[in-house]
Every structure is written in C-alpha cells, then in structure tokens.
C-alpha cells in the first residue's frame, strides 16, 4: 500500500511539472486591445502595452506580444485612432499590416498617432485573409521592401 502511495505521488509530481505554464493573453487587462479572432488568444500572449502622450500632443504606443505556440504564426494588426468625440481619425498612415512571428519569438509594435487630435486608440489583431495577401503583393510595397 505504501509503495502504491509513493508511486502515485511520484507520478502526480512528474505530470504536474510537465504542464504547460506559458502565459496566456489576458484581454481584460488591456482594454485597448481587440482580438478579432478568438483563436489568436491560444498562441499569442500579450506581454506589455504602454502608451504616452508626447510633448507635441501625439500619442505613442508600444505593444509587445509573444508567439507561445510551437510553430510560426501569422497575424494582422491595425491601430485605430479616435478624436475627443470618439470618431475615427482617417489617415493614409492607418492601414492593416501583416506580421509573421516565429515560435517562441516576440513582436514589438511601435506606432505614433497620425494627428495631435488623437485622444484614444484601439489595436486590433486578426488573421490574414486573401485580401490582406493581395495588399501585401502591392507593387509599391515590394519596391519599398527592395524586391
């Protein structure tokens, strides 16, 4: 009986030490972050979100996240800026971007508001669609990348 108890205790210790203890994203802790697809939360862990209003009135935001899966993942992100009345600020600088994140690697998204009138922001994470892939094949973008 005693040997069985020790064996079960040993197995319980082994199994609990192998459990996945990697951090999971806590969307409630970051109200300015929106996940358009819940499946992103399974592999993308938010590590830090900071923002500051600079002396010139522009808002600077930095979002850090990590791919906690065992394979490379692709996501899209977009930052929406809002004025004091809650209206979206339109700008050619505001567009959806595609990011590829290798397993175990982090990504840092650093953005500055397009206008000093910006009062708030939302960072939206999503999964790429065929439309996003077409945007990524834009001739001007390829030229900018040096292709």
N, C-alpha and C. Protein backbone atom coordinates (compact mmCIF):
# COMPACT_ATOMS: atom_id res chain seq x y z
N UNK A 1 0.81 -1.18 0.00
CA UNK A 1 0.00 0.00 0.00
C UNK A 1 0.87 1.27 0.00
N UNK A 2 1.90 1.22 0.84
CA UNK A 2 2.78 2.37 0.94
C UNK A 2 3.52 2.61 -0.39
N UNK A 3 3.96 1.55 -1.04
CA UNK A 3 4.64 1.68 -2.32
C UNK A 3 3.71 2.28 -3.38
N UNK A 4 2.46 1.88 -3.35
CA UNK A 4 1.47 2.41 -4.29
C UNK A 4 1.27 3.91 -4.07
N UNK A 5 1.22 4.32 -2.81
CA UNK A 5 1.07 5.74 -2.49
C UNK A 5 2.25 6.54 -3.02
N UNK A 6 3.47 6.05 -2.79
CA UNK A 6 4.66 6.75 -3.28
C UNK A 6 4.70 6.79 -4.80
N UNK A 7 4.29 5.72 -5.42
CA UNK A 7 4.25 5.67 -6.88
C UNK A 7 3.27 6.70 -7.44
N UNK A 8 2.08 6.78 -6.86
CA UNK A 8 1.09 7.76 -7.30
C UNK A 8 1.55 9.20 -7.04
N UNK A 9 2.17 9.43 -5.91
CA UNK A 9 2.69 10.76 -5.60
C UNK A 9 3.78 11.16 -6.58
N UNK A 10 4.66 10.20 -6.90
CA UNK A 10 5.73 10.45 -7.86
C UNK A 10 5.15 10.77 -9.24
N UNK A 11 4.18 9.98 -9.69
CA UNK A 11 3.55 10.23 -10.99
C UNK A 11 2.83 11.57 -11.03
N UNK A 12 2.15 11.92 -9.96
CA UNK A 12 1.47 13.22 -9.89
C UNK A 12 2.48 14.36 -9.97
N UNK A 13 3.60 14.20 -9.30
CA UNK A 13 4.65 15.23 -9.34
C UNK A 13 5.22 15.37 -10.75
N UNK A 14 5.47 14.27 -11.41
CA UNK A 14 6.02 14.29 -12.77
C UNK A 14 5.02 14.95 -13.73
N UNK A 15 3.77 14.53 -13.66
CA UNK A 15 2.77 15.04 -14.60
C UNK A 15 2.48 16.52 -14.39
N UNK A 16 2.45 16.99 -13.16
CA UNK A 16 2.17 18.41 -12.94
C UNK A 16 3.36 19.28 -13.29
N UNK A 17 4.56 18.75 -13.20
CA UNK A 17 5.73 19.55 -13.56
C UNK A 17 5.85 19.70 -15.07
N UNK A 18 5.20 18.84 -15.84
CA UNK A 18 5.26 18.92 -17.30
C UNK A 18 4.10 19.73 -17.87
N UNK A 19 3.25 20.25 -17.04
CA UNK A 19 2.09 21.00 -17.53
C UNK A 19 2.55 22.29 -18.21
N UNK A 20 1.77 22.75 -19.17
CA UNK A 20 2.07 23.98 -19.90
C UNK A 20 1.81 25.17 -18.99
N UNK A 21 2.87 25.88 -18.62
CA UNK A 21 2.74 27.02 -17.73
C UNK A 21 3.00 28.33 -18.44
N UNK A 22 2.96 28.32 -19.77
CA UNK A 22 3.22 29.54 -20.52
C UNK A 22 2.07 30.51 -20.33
N UNK A 23 2.37 31.82 -20.29
CA UNK A 23 1.33 32.80 -20.02
C UNK A 23 0.33 32.89 -21.17
N UNK A 24 -0.90 33.10 -20.83
CA UNK A 24 -1.95 33.29 -21.82
C UNK A 24 -2.35 34.76 -21.83
N UNK A 25 -2.80 35.25 -22.99
CA UNK A 25 -3.18 36.66 -23.06
C UNK A 25 -4.37 36.95 -22.17
N UNK A 26 -4.30 38.06 -21.49
CA UNK A 26 -5.40 38.50 -20.63
C UNK A 26 -5.98 39.76 -21.24
N UNK A 27 -6.99 39.60 -22.08
CA UNK A 27 -7.56 40.73 -22.81
C UNK A 27 -8.20 41.73 -21.87
N UNK A 28 -8.72 41.28 -20.73
CA UNK A 28 -9.37 42.19 -19.80
C UNK A 28 -8.38 43.19 -19.20
N UNK A 29 -7.11 42.80 -19.12
CA UNK A 29 -6.09 43.70 -18.56
C UNK A 29 -5.71 44.80 -19.53
N UNK A 30 -6.05 44.62 -20.82
CA UNK A 30 -5.70 45.60 -21.85
C UNK A 30 -6.96 46.01 -22.61
N UNK A 31 -7.69 47.02 -22.13
CA UNK A 31 -8.95 47.39 -22.78
C UNK A 31 -8.79 47.97 -24.19
N UNK A 32 -7.61 48.41 -24.57
CA UNK A 32 -7.38 48.98 -25.90
C UNK A 32 -6.96 47.94 -26.91
N UNK A 33 -6.95 46.67 -26.53
CA UNK A 33 -6.57 45.58 -27.42
C UNK A 33 -7.82 44.79 -27.78
N UNK A 34 -8.01 44.54 -29.09
CA UNK A 34 -9.16 43.78 -29.58
C UNK A 34 -8.66 42.60 -30.39
N UNK A 35 -9.13 41.41 -30.03
CA UNK A 35 -8.83 40.20 -30.81
C UNK A 35 -10.04 39.91 -31.68
N UNK A 36 -9.88 40.04 -32.99
CA UNK A 36 -10.99 39.80 -33.91
C UNK A 36 -11.28 38.32 -34.08
N UNK A 37 -10.30 37.48 -33.77
CA UNK A 37 -10.46 36.03 -33.83
C UNK A 37 -10.00 35.46 -32.49
N UNK A 38 -10.88 34.70 -31.83
CA UNK A 38 -10.52 34.14 -30.53
C UNK A 38 -9.37 33.15 -30.62
N UNK A 39 -9.15 32.54 -31.78
CA UNK A 39 -8.08 31.56 -31.91
C UNK A 39 -6.69 32.19 -31.71
N UNK A 40 -6.58 33.49 -31.91
CA UNK A 40 -5.29 34.17 -31.71
C UNK A 40 -4.88 34.10 -30.25
N UNK A 41 -5.86 34.15 -29.35
CA UNK A 41 -5.56 34.12 -27.92
C UNK A 41 -4.91 32.82 -27.49
N UNK A 42 -5.06 31.76 -28.29
CA UNK A 42 -4.47 30.47 -27.94
C UNK A 42 -2.96 30.45 -28.12
N UNK A 43 -2.42 31.29 -29.00
CA UNK A 43 -0.99 31.24 -29.25
C UNK A 43 -0.27 32.58 -29.09
N UNK A 44 -1.01 33.68 -28.96
CA UNK A 44 -0.39 35.00 -28.85
C UNK A 44 -0.58 35.53 -27.44
N UNK A 45 0.51 35.71 -26.72
CA UNK A 45 0.46 36.20 -25.34
C UNK A 45 0.88 37.67 -25.31
N UNK A 46 -0.02 38.52 -24.89
CA UNK A 46 0.34 39.93 -24.70
C UNK A 46 1.28 40.03 -23.51
N UNK A 47 2.37 40.72 -23.70
CA UNK A 47 3.34 40.87 -22.62
C UNK A 47 3.29 42.27 -22.01
N UNK A 48 3.07 43.28 -22.86
CA UNK A 48 3.08 44.65 -22.35
C UNK A 48 2.41 45.57 -23.36
N UNK A 49 1.66 46.53 -22.84
CA UNK A 49 1.07 47.59 -23.66
C UNK A 49 1.29 48.90 -22.92
N UNK A 50 2.02 49.82 -23.55
CA UNK A 50 2.27 51.12 -22.93
C UNK A 50 1.94 52.23 -23.93
N UNK A 51 1.49 53.33 -23.40
CA UNK A 51 1.22 54.50 -24.25
C UNK A 51 1.55 55.76 -23.47
N UNK A 52 1.92 56.79 -24.23
CA UNK A 52 2.27 58.06 -23.62
C UNK A 52 1.85 59.18 -24.57
N UNK A 53 1.41 60.30 -24.01
CA UNK A 53 1.14 61.48 -24.81
C UNK A 53 2.42 62.31 -24.79
N UNK A 54 3.00 62.51 -25.96
CA UNK A 54 4.26 63.23 -26.07
C UNK A 54 4.03 64.73 -25.90
N UNK A 55 5.12 65.47 -25.78
CA UNK A 55 5.05 66.92 -25.61
C UNK A 55 4.38 67.61 -26.79
N UNK A 56 4.51 67.02 -28.00
CA UNK A 56 3.91 67.64 -29.18
C UNK A 56 2.44 67.27 -29.35
N UNK A 57 1.87 66.49 -28.41
CA UNK A 57 0.45 66.14 -28.45
C UNK A 57 0.14 64.82 -29.13
N UNK A 58 1.13 64.21 -29.77
CA UNK A 58 0.92 62.92 -30.42
C UNK A 58 0.97 61.79 -29.38
N UNK A 59 0.22 60.72 -29.62
CA UNK A 59 0.23 59.56 -28.73
C UNK A 59 1.19 58.53 -29.31
N UNK A 60 2.04 58.00 -28.45
CA UNK A 60 2.97 56.95 -28.85
C UNK A 60 2.58 55.67 -28.11
N UNK A 61 2.46 54.57 -28.86
CA UNK A 61 2.00 53.29 -28.30
C UNK A 61 2.99 52.20 -28.66
N UNK A 62 3.25 51.31 -27.70
CA UNK A 62 4.08 50.15 -27.95
C UNK A 62 3.41 48.91 -27.36
N UNK A 63 3.20 47.91 -28.22
CA UNK A 63 2.59 46.65 -27.82
C UNK A 63 3.61 45.55 -28.02
N UNK A 64 3.83 44.74 -26.99
CA UNK A 64 4.75 43.62 -27.07
C UNK A 64 3.96 42.34 -26.84
N UNK A 65 4.14 41.37 -27.73
CA UNK A 65 3.48 40.08 -27.61
C UNK A 65 4.41 38.97 -28.03
N UNK A 66 4.05 37.74 -27.66
CA UNK A 66 4.93 36.60 -27.95
C UNK A 66 4.12 35.45 -28.51
N UNK A 67 4.70 34.77 -29.49
CA UNK A 67 4.12 33.56 -30.05
C UNK A 67 4.50 32.41 -29.12
N UNK A 68 3.52 31.88 -28.39
CA UNK A 68 3.81 30.80 -27.43
C UNK A 68 3.49 29.43 -28.01
N UNK A 69 3.22 29.37 -29.31
CA UNK A 69 2.95 28.07 -29.94
C UNK A 69 4.26 27.43 -30.37
N UNK A 70 4.15 26.23 -30.93
CA UNK A 70 5.34 25.52 -31.37
C UNK A 70 5.62 25.68 -32.87
N UNK A 71 4.87 26.60 -33.51
CA UNK A 71 5.09 26.83 -34.95
C UNK A 71 4.96 28.31 -35.28
N UNK A 72 5.46 28.68 -36.46
CA UNK A 72 5.37 30.06 -36.91
C UNK A 72 3.90 30.42 -37.12
N UNK A 73 3.51 31.63 -36.72
CA UNK A 73 2.13 32.08 -36.85
C UNK A 73 2.11 33.42 -37.59
N UNK A 74 1.00 33.68 -38.26
CA UNK A 74 0.83 34.93 -39.00
C UNK A 74 -0.41 35.63 -38.47
N UNK A 75 -0.30 36.91 -38.25
CA UNK A 75 -1.46 37.69 -37.82
C UNK A 75 -1.45 39.03 -38.52
N UNK A 76 -2.58 39.71 -38.46
CA UNK A 76 -2.66 41.08 -38.96
C UNK A 76 -2.94 41.99 -37.77
N UNK A 77 -2.52 43.22 -37.89
CA UNK A 77 -2.85 44.19 -36.85
C UNK A 77 -3.12 45.54 -37.48
N UNK A 78 -3.93 46.30 -36.78
CA UNK A 78 -4.31 47.63 -37.24
C UNK A 78 -4.52 48.49 -36.00
N UNK A 79 -4.12 49.74 -36.07
CA UNK A 79 -4.34 50.66 -34.95
C UNK A 79 -5.34 51.71 -35.41
N UNK A 80 -6.45 51.79 -34.72
CA UNK A 80 -7.46 52.83 -34.99
C UNK A 80 -7.28 53.95 -33.98
N UNK A 81 -7.31 55.17 -34.48
CA UNK A 81 -7.14 56.35 -33.62
C UNK A 81 -8.47 57.09 -33.56
N UNK A 82 -8.80 57.61 -32.38
CA UNK A 82 -10.07 58.28 -32.16
C UNK A 82 -9.84 59.69 -31.62
N UNK A 83 -10.69 60.63 -32.08
CA UNK A 83 -10.60 62.01 -31.59
C UNK A 83 -11.37 62.15 -30.28
N UNK A 84 -11.48 63.38 -29.76
CA UNK A 84 -12.12 63.61 -28.47
C UNK A 84 -13.61 63.27 -28.47
N UNK A 85 -14.24 63.21 -29.65
CA UNK A 85 -15.66 62.86 -29.75
C UNK A 85 -15.87 61.37 -30.02
N UNK A 86 -14.80 60.61 -30.16
CA UNK A 86 -14.91 59.18 -30.41
C UNK A 86 -14.96 58.80 -31.88
N UNK A 87 -14.79 59.79 -32.77
CA UNK A 87 -14.78 59.50 -34.20
C UNK A 87 -13.40 58.98 -34.62
N UNK A 88 -13.40 58.09 -35.60
CA UNK A 88 -12.15 57.54 -36.13
C UNK A 88 -11.42 58.61 -36.93
N UNK A 89 -10.13 58.74 -36.70
CA UNK A 89 -9.30 59.67 -37.46
C UNK A 89 -8.82 58.95 -38.71
N UNK A 90 -9.17 59.48 -39.85
CA UNK A 90 -8.79 58.88 -41.14
C UNK A 90 -7.39 59.37 -41.51
N UNK A 91 -6.57 58.45 -42.01
CA UNK A 91 -5.22 58.81 -42.41
C UNK A 91 -4.68 57.72 -43.32
N UNK A 92 -3.80 58.09 -44.25
CA UNK A 92 -3.16 57.09 -45.10
C UNK A 92 -2.15 56.27 -44.29
N UNK A 93 -1.77 56.76 -43.12
CA UNK A 93 -0.83 56.02 -42.27
C UNK A 93 -1.50 54.87 -41.54
N UNK A 94 -2.84 54.89 -41.46
CA UNK A 94 -3.58 53.87 -40.72
C UNK A 94 -4.00 52.79 -41.70
N UNK A 95 -3.33 51.64 -41.65
CA UNK A 95 -3.71 50.52 -42.50
C UNK A 95 -3.32 49.22 -41.83
N UNK A 96 -3.97 48.16 -42.25
CA UNK A 96 -3.73 46.83 -41.69
C UNK A 96 -2.38 46.31 -42.17
N UNK A 97 -1.63 45.72 -41.24
CA UNK A 97 -0.32 45.17 -41.56
C UNK A 97 -0.30 43.69 -41.22
N UNK A 98 0.54 42.95 -41.95
CA UNK A 98 0.70 41.52 -41.72
C UNK A 98 2.03 41.30 -41.00
N UNK A 99 2.00 40.44 -39.98
CA UNK A 99 3.22 40.10 -39.25
C UNK A 99 3.36 38.59 -39.15
N UNK A 100 4.56 38.10 -39.38
CA UNK A 100 4.88 36.69 -39.22
C UNK A 100 5.76 36.57 -37.98
N UNK A 101 5.35 35.70 -37.05
CA UNK A 101 6.07 35.57 -35.79
C UNK A 101 6.51 34.12 -35.62
N UNK A 102 7.81 33.90 -35.53
CA UNK A 102 8.33 32.55 -35.34
C UNK A 102 7.98 32.05 -33.94
N UNK A 103 7.95 30.72 -33.79
CA UNK A 103 7.61 30.15 -32.49
C UNK A 103 8.61 30.56 -31.42
N UNK A 104 8.07 30.97 -30.28
CA UNK A 104 8.90 31.39 -29.16
C UNK A 104 9.45 32.80 -29.27
N UNK A 105 9.17 33.50 -30.37
CA UNK A 105 9.70 34.86 -30.58
C UNK A 105 8.65 35.91 -30.22
N UNK A 106 9.13 37.10 -29.93
CA UNK A 106 8.26 38.23 -29.60
C UNK A 106 8.17 39.20 -30.76
N UNK A 107 7.13 40.00 -30.74
CA UNK A 107 6.96 41.07 -31.70
C UNK A 107 6.72 42.35 -30.92
N UNK A 108 7.30 43.43 -31.41
CA UNK A 108 7.08 44.75 -30.81
C UNK A 108 6.44 45.62 -31.88
N UNK A 109 5.26 46.12 -31.58
CA UNK A 109 4.55 47.02 -32.49
C UNK A 109 4.65 48.41 -31.88
N UNK A 110 5.28 49.31 -32.60
CA UNK A 110 5.50 50.67 -32.12
C UNK A 110 4.84 51.63 -33.11
N UNK A 111 3.87 52.41 -32.65
CA UNK A 111 3.15 53.33 -33.53
C UNK A 111 3.00 54.70 -32.87
N UNK A 112 2.83 55.70 -33.73
CA UNK A 112 2.59 57.08 -33.27
C UNK A 112 1.33 57.56 -33.98
N UNK A 113 0.48 58.25 -33.24
CA UNK A 113 -0.80 58.71 -33.80
C UNK A 113 -0.56 59.60 -35.02
N UNK A 114 -1.48 59.58 -35.98
CA UNK A 114 -1.31 60.40 -37.19
C UNK A 114 -1.63 61.87 -36.97
N UNK A 115 -2.19 62.19 -35.82
CA UNK A 115 -2.61 63.57 -35.55
C UNK A 115 -2.50 63.85 -34.06
N UNK A 116 -2.24 65.10 -33.73
CA UNK A 116 -2.23 65.50 -32.32
C UNK A 116 -3.64 65.55 -31.76
N UNK A 117 -4.65 65.44 -32.62
CA UNK A 117 -6.04 65.43 -32.18
C UNK A 117 -6.45 64.07 -31.61
N UNK A 118 -5.63 63.06 -31.77
CA UNK A 118 -5.97 61.73 -31.27
C UNK A 118 -6.03 61.74 -29.75
N UNK A 119 -7.10 61.14 -29.23
CA UNK A 119 -7.28 61.07 -27.78
C UNK A 119 -7.26 59.63 -27.27
N UNK A 120 -7.54 58.68 -28.16
CA UNK A 120 -7.62 57.28 -27.76
C UNK A 120 -7.23 56.40 -28.94
N UNK A 121 -7.07 55.11 -28.69
CA UNK A 121 -6.68 54.18 -29.75
C UNK A 121 -7.20 52.79 -29.42
N UNK A 122 -7.25 51.94 -30.44
CA UNK A 122 -7.54 50.51 -30.31
C UNK A 122 -6.59 49.78 -31.24
N UNK A 123 -5.94 48.75 -30.74
CA UNK A 123 -5.10 47.89 -31.56
C UNK A 123 -5.91 46.62 -31.82
N UNK A 124 -6.17 46.34 -33.10
CA UNK A 124 -6.98 45.18 -33.48
C UNK A 124 -6.09 44.12 -34.11
N UNK A 125 -6.15 42.91 -33.54
CA UNK A 125 -5.41 41.77 -34.07
C UNK A 125 -6.39 40.84 -34.78
N UNK A 126 -5.99 40.34 -35.96
CA UNK A 126 -6.82 39.43 -36.72
C UNK A 126 -5.98 38.42 -37.46
N UNK A 127 -6.67 37.58 -38.22
CA UNK A 127 -6.00 36.60 -39.06
C UNK A 127 -6.03 37.08 -40.50
N UNK A 128 -4.97 36.84 -41.26
CA UNK A 128 -4.93 37.33 -42.65
C UNK A 128 -5.97 36.65 -43.53
N UNK A 129 -6.48 37.43 -44.47
CA UNK A 129 -7.42 36.92 -45.47
C UNK A 129 -6.75 37.03 -46.83
N UNK A 130 -7.45 36.58 -47.86
CA UNK A 130 -6.90 36.70 -49.21
C UNK A 130 -6.73 38.17 -49.59
N UNK A 131 -7.61 39.05 -49.09
CA UNK A 131 -7.47 40.48 -49.36
C UNK A 131 -6.18 41.04 -48.75
N UNK A 132 -5.84 40.59 -47.55
CA UNK A 132 -4.59 41.04 -46.92
C UNK A 132 -3.38 40.58 -47.73
N UNK A 133 -3.45 39.36 -48.25
CA UNK A 133 -2.34 38.85 -49.05
C UNK A 133 -2.19 39.64 -50.35
N UNK A 134 -3.31 40.07 -50.94
CA UNK A 134 -3.24 40.91 -52.14
C UNK A 134 -2.61 42.26 -51.83
N UNK A 135 -2.97 42.83 -50.68
CA UNK A 135 -2.37 44.11 -50.28
C UNK A 135 -0.87 43.96 -50.10
N UNK A 136 -0.43 42.81 -49.57
CA UNK A 136 0.98 42.59 -49.33
C UNK A 136 1.75 42.42 -50.63
N UNK A 137 1.08 42.07 -51.72
CA UNK A 137 1.73 41.90 -53.01
C UNK A 137 1.72 43.18 -53.84
N UNK A 138 1.34 44.29 -53.25
CA UNK A 138 1.29 45.57 -53.92
C UNK A 138 2.67 45.92 -54.48
N UNK A 139 2.71 46.40 -55.71
CA UNK A 139 3.98 46.72 -56.37
C UNK A 139 4.75 47.77 -55.59
N UNK A 140 4.08 48.79 -55.12
CA UNK A 140 4.76 49.85 -54.38
C UNK A 140 5.38 49.31 -53.09
N UNK A 141 4.67 48.39 -52.42
CA UNK A 141 5.19 47.81 -51.19
C UNK A 141 6.41 46.95 -51.48
N UNK A 142 6.37 46.16 -52.56
CA UNK A 142 7.51 45.33 -52.91
C UNK A 142 8.72 46.21 -53.24
N UNK A 143 8.46 47.32 -53.91
CA UNK A 143 9.55 48.23 -54.24
C UNK A 143 10.16 48.82 -52.98
N UNK A 144 9.30 49.17 -52.02
CA UNK A 144 9.76 49.72 -50.76
C UNK A 144 10.62 48.71 -50.00
N UNK A 145 10.23 47.43 -50.09
CA UNK A 145 10.98 46.38 -49.41
C UNK A 145 12.28 46.03 -50.14
N UNK A 146 12.47 46.57 -51.33
CA UNK A 146 13.69 46.30 -52.09
C UNK A 146 13.63 45.05 -52.94
N UNK A 147 12.42 44.57 -53.25
CA UNK A 147 12.28 43.34 -54.05
C UNK A 147 12.30 43.67 -55.52
